[in-house]
Amino acid sequence: MARIGNIIVKDEDISRIKLELITFFKENPGTVDSAENISVRLGRSKDEVEGALEQMSTHDICYKISSRPQPIFMYSPTAQILKRIAELAPDMDYSTQLELVNALLTRRKAT
C-alpha cells in the first residue's frame, strides 16, 4: 500500500510508471510540461507516460490542460495555484501566470 496525498492506494492499483511520475512531480513540483517531454526526462516511452498521466489526471493527482497545441500536465498543487491566478487575473497572459506560479513555489520552498 502507498499513500498519495490523502489517498491510500493498493499496490495492484498503481503501476511502476505512475509511482515514477508521482515521485517526479514531488521532486519537481513546478513542472508544467507535455507527456512527451516528461517521458524524455524519465527515459520512458511517450505512450506509456501519456497513458499514466491521463489516468492520474482523472484522479486529481496531476492536472491536464488540454487547450494547448498538445496537452500539458502539472502536479495538482501547482495546477490549483495556476487556476486561482487565472481566476484572479484573467487578462494576464499564460507565460506570466507560469512565471508567477514558479515564483510562488520558489518562495514557498525558501520559507
C-alpha atoms as a PDB file:
ATOM      1  CA  MET A   1       0.000   0.000   0.000  1.00  0.00           C
ATOM      2  CA  ALA A   2       1.109   3.551  -0.670  1.00  0.00           C
ATOM      3  CA  ARG A   3      -0.123   6.954   0.390  1.00  0.00           C
ATOM      4  CA  ILE A   4      -0.544   9.626  -2.280  1.00  0.00           C
ATOM      5  CA  GLY A   5      -1.656  12.839  -0.628  1.00  0.00           C
ATOM      6  CA  ASN A   6      -4.813  11.897   1.260  1.00  0.00           C
ATOM      7  CA  ILE A   7      -5.397   8.757  -0.810  1.00  0.00           C
ATOM      8  CA  ILE A   8      -4.241   5.278   0.182  1.00  0.00           C
ATOM      9  CA  VAL A   9      -3.624   3.112  -2.867  1.00  0.00           C
ATOM     10  CA  LYS A  10      -3.276  -0.673  -3.056  1.00  0.00           C
ATOM     11  CA  ASP A  11      -0.152  -1.928  -4.817  1.00  0.00           C
ATOM     12  CA  GLU A  12      -2.179  -3.641  -7.539  1.00  0.00           C
ATOM     13  CA  ASP A  13      -3.962  -0.357  -8.344  1.00  0.00           C
ATOM     14  CA  ILE A  14      -0.846   1.586  -9.290  1.00  0.00           C
ATOM     15  CA  SER A  15       1.826   0.806 -11.839  1.00  0.00           C
ATOM     16  CA  ARG A  16       5.542   1.454 -11.611  1.00  0.00           C
ATOM     17  CA  ILE A  17       5.285   4.264 -14.172  1.00  0.00           C
ATOM     18  CA  LYS A  18       2.679   6.039 -12.033  1.00  0.00           C
ATOM     19  CA  LEU A  19       4.923   5.775  -8.992  1.00  0.00           C
ATOM     20  CA  GLU A  20       7.807   7.185 -11.054  1.00  0.00           C
ATOM     21  CA  LEU A  21       5.585  10.063 -12.196  1.00  0.00           C
ATOM     22  CA  ILE A  22       4.395  10.823  -8.659  1.00  0.00           C
ATOM     23  CA  THR A  23       7.993  10.832  -7.445  1.00  0.00           C
ATOM     24  CA  PHE A  24       8.988  13.021 -10.400  1.00  0.00           C
ATOM     25  CA  PHE A  25       6.275  15.587  -9.656  1.00  0.00           C
ATOM     26  CA  LYS A  26       7.065  15.630  -5.935  1.00  0.00           C
ATOM     27  CA  GLU A  27      10.755  16.208  -6.692  1.00  0.00           C
ATOM     28  CA  ASN A  28       9.945  18.782  -9.412  1.00  0.00           C
ATOM     29  CA  PRO A  29       6.731  20.460  -8.162  1.00  0.00           C
ATOM     30  CA  GLY A  30       6.931  23.364 -10.599  1.00  0.00           C
ATOM     31  CA  THR A  31       6.955  21.123 -13.675  1.00  0.00           C
ATOM     32  CA  VAL A  32       4.444  22.128 -16.340  1.00  0.00           C
ATOM     33  CA  ASP A  33       5.167  20.099 -19.448  1.00  0.00           C
ATOM     34  CA  SER A  34       3.929  17.755 -22.161  1.00  0.00           C
ATOM     35  CA  ALA A  35       3.826  13.982 -21.774  1.00  0.00           C
ATOM     36  CA  GLU A  36       6.481  13.763 -24.483  1.00  0.00           C
ATOM     37  CA  ASN A  37       8.955  15.984 -22.610  1.00  0.00           C
ATOM     38  CA  ILE A  38       8.250  14.274 -19.291  1.00  0.00           C
ATOM     39  CA  SER A  39       8.815  10.879 -20.942  1.00  0.00           C
ATOM     40  CA  VAL A  40      12.247  12.033 -22.139  1.00  0.00           C
ATOM     41  CA  ARG A  41      13.169  13.118 -18.607  1.00  0.00           C
ATOM     42  CA  LEU A  42      12.059   9.734 -17.224  1.00  0.00           C
ATOM     43  CA  GLY A  43      13.565   7.665 -20.032  1.00  0.00           C
ATOM     44  CA  ARG A  44      10.170   6.124 -20.800  1.00  0.00           C
ATOM     45  CA  SER A  45       8.052   5.944 -23.943  1.00  0.00           C
ATOM     46  CA  LYS A  46       5.692   8.810 -24.674  1.00  0.00           C
ATOM     47  CA  ASP A  47       2.694   6.477 -24.941  1.00  0.00           C
ATOM     48  CA  GLU A  48       3.138   4.865 -21.527  1.00  0.00           C
ATOM     49  CA  VAL A  49       3.774   8.222 -19.837  1.00  0.00           C
ATOM     50  CA  GLU A  50       0.831   9.875 -21.561  1.00  0.00           C
ATOM     51  CA  GLY A  51      -1.489   6.994 -20.633  1.00  0.00           C
ATOM     52  CA  ALA A  52      -0.423   7.111 -16.992  1.00  0.00           C
ATOM     53  CA  LEU A  53      -0.728  10.916 -16.847  1.00  0.00           C
ATOM     54  CA  GLU A  54      -4.227  10.713 -18.353  1.00  0.00           C
ATOM     55  CA  GLN A  55      -5.273   8.231 -15.674  1.00  0.00           C
ATOM     56  CA  MET A  56      -3.627  10.250 -12.911  1.00  0.00           C
ATOM     57  CA  SER A  57      -5.401  13.408 -14.037  1.00  0.00           C
ATOM     58  CA  THR A  58      -8.781  11.688 -13.668  1.00  0.00           C
ATOM     59  CA  HIS A  59      -7.886  11.055 -10.006  1.00  0.00           C
ATOM     60  CA  ASP A  60      -6.628  14.627  -9.348  1.00  0.00           C
ATOM     61  CA  ILE A  61      -3.041  13.507  -8.742  1.00  0.00           C
ATOM     62  CA  CYS A  62      -1.948  15.708 -11.612  1.00  0.00           C
ATOM     63  CA  TYR A  63      -3.755  18.251 -13.755  1.00  0.00           C
ATOM     64  CA  LYS A  64      -4.175  18.261 -17.517  1.00  0.00           C
ATOM     65  CA  ILE A  65      -4.580  21.382 -19.637  1.00  0.00           C
ATOM     66  CA  SER A  66      -5.864  20.218 -22.997  1.00  0.00           C
ATOM     67  CA  SER A  67      -6.421  23.580 -24.662  1.00  0.00           C
ATOM     68  CA  ARG A  68      -2.795  23.920 -25.777  1.00  0.00           C
ATOM     69  CA  PRO A  69      -1.395  22.567 -29.089  1.00  0.00           C
ATOM     70  CA  GLN A  70      -0.624  19.385 -27.156  1.00  0.00           C
ATOM     71  CA  PRO A  71      -1.878  18.653 -23.644  1.00  0.00           C
ATOM     72  CA  ILE A  72       0.360  19.676 -20.784  1.00  0.00           C
ATOM     73  CA  PHE A  73       0.407  18.187 -17.315  1.00  0.00           C
ATOM     74  CA  MET A  74       1.365  19.529 -13.915  1.00  0.00           C
ATOM     75  CA  TYR A  75       1.348  18.416 -10.314  1.00  0.00           C
ATOM     76  CA  SER A  76      -2.054  19.135  -8.808  1.00  0.00           C
ATOM     77  CA  PRO A  77      -0.992  21.705  -6.147  1.00  0.00           C
ATOM     78  CA  THR A  78       0.775  23.699  -8.869  1.00  0.00           C
ATOM     79  CA  ALA A  79      -2.339  23.480 -11.015  1.00  0.00           C
ATOM     80  CA  GLN A  80      -4.516  24.761  -8.198  1.00  0.00           C
ATOM     81  CA  ILE A  81      -2.284  27.825  -7.802  1.00  0.00           C
ATOM     82  CA  LEU A  82      -2.337  28.459 -11.570  1.00  0.00           C
ATOM     83  CA  LYS A  83      -6.125  28.127 -11.657  1.00  0.00           C
ATOM     84  CA  ARG A  84      -6.528  30.661  -8.838  1.00  0.00           C
ATOM     85  CA  ILE A  85      -4.208  33.115 -10.563  1.00  0.00           C
ATOM     86  CA  ALA A  86      -6.198  32.738 -13.790  1.00  0.00           C
ATOM     87  CA  GLU A  87      -9.413  33.435 -11.891  1.00  0.00           C
ATOM     88  CA  LEU A  88      -7.975  36.476 -10.104  1.00  0.00           C
ATOM     89  CA  ALA A  89      -6.157  37.928 -13.120  1.00  0.00           C
ATOM     90  CA  PRO A  90      -7.937  36.632 -16.232  1.00  0.00           C
ATOM     91  CA  ASP A  91      -6.227  39.160 -18.535  1.00  0.00           C
ATOM     92  CA  MET A  92      -2.716  38.101 -17.506  1.00  0.00           C
ATOM     93  CA  ASP A  93      -1.021  36.154 -20.315  1.00  0.00           C
ATOM     94  CA  TYR A  94      -0.251  32.490 -19.757  1.00  0.00           C
ATOM     95  CA  SER A  95       3.552  32.772 -19.626  1.00  0.00           C
ATOM     96  CA  THR A  96       3.296  35.496 -16.973  1.00  0.00           C
ATOM     97  CA  GLN A  97       0.935  33.283 -14.970  1.00  0.00           C
ATOM     98  CA  LEU A  98       3.510  30.451 -15.113  1.00  0.00           C
ATOM     99  CA  GLU A  99       6.292  32.801 -14.008  1.00  0.00           C
ATOM    100  CA  LEU A 100       4.179  33.874 -11.044  1.00  0.00           C
ATOM    101  CA  VAL A 101       3.454  30.247 -10.097  1.00  0.00           C
ATOM    102  CA  ASN A 102       7.173  29.437 -10.248  1.00  0.00           C
ATOM    103  CA  ALA A 103       7.961  32.478  -8.096  1.00  0.00           C
ATOM    104  CA  LEU A 104       5.364  31.416  -5.526  1.00  0.00           C
ATOM    105  CA  LEU A 105       6.648  27.837  -5.439  1.00  0.00           C
ATOM    106  CA  THR A 106      10.229  29.002  -5.049  1.00  0.00           C
ATOM    107  CA  ARG A 107       9.217  31.349  -2.255  1.00  0.00           C
ATOM    108  CA  ARG A 108       7.301  28.595  -0.501  1.00  0.00           C
ATOM    109  CA  LYS A 109      10.366  26.305  -0.540  1.00  0.00           C
ATOM    110  CA  ALA A 110      12.576  29.014   0.927  1.00  0.00           C
ATOM    111  CA  THR A 111      10.366  29.598   3.981  1.00  0.00           C
END
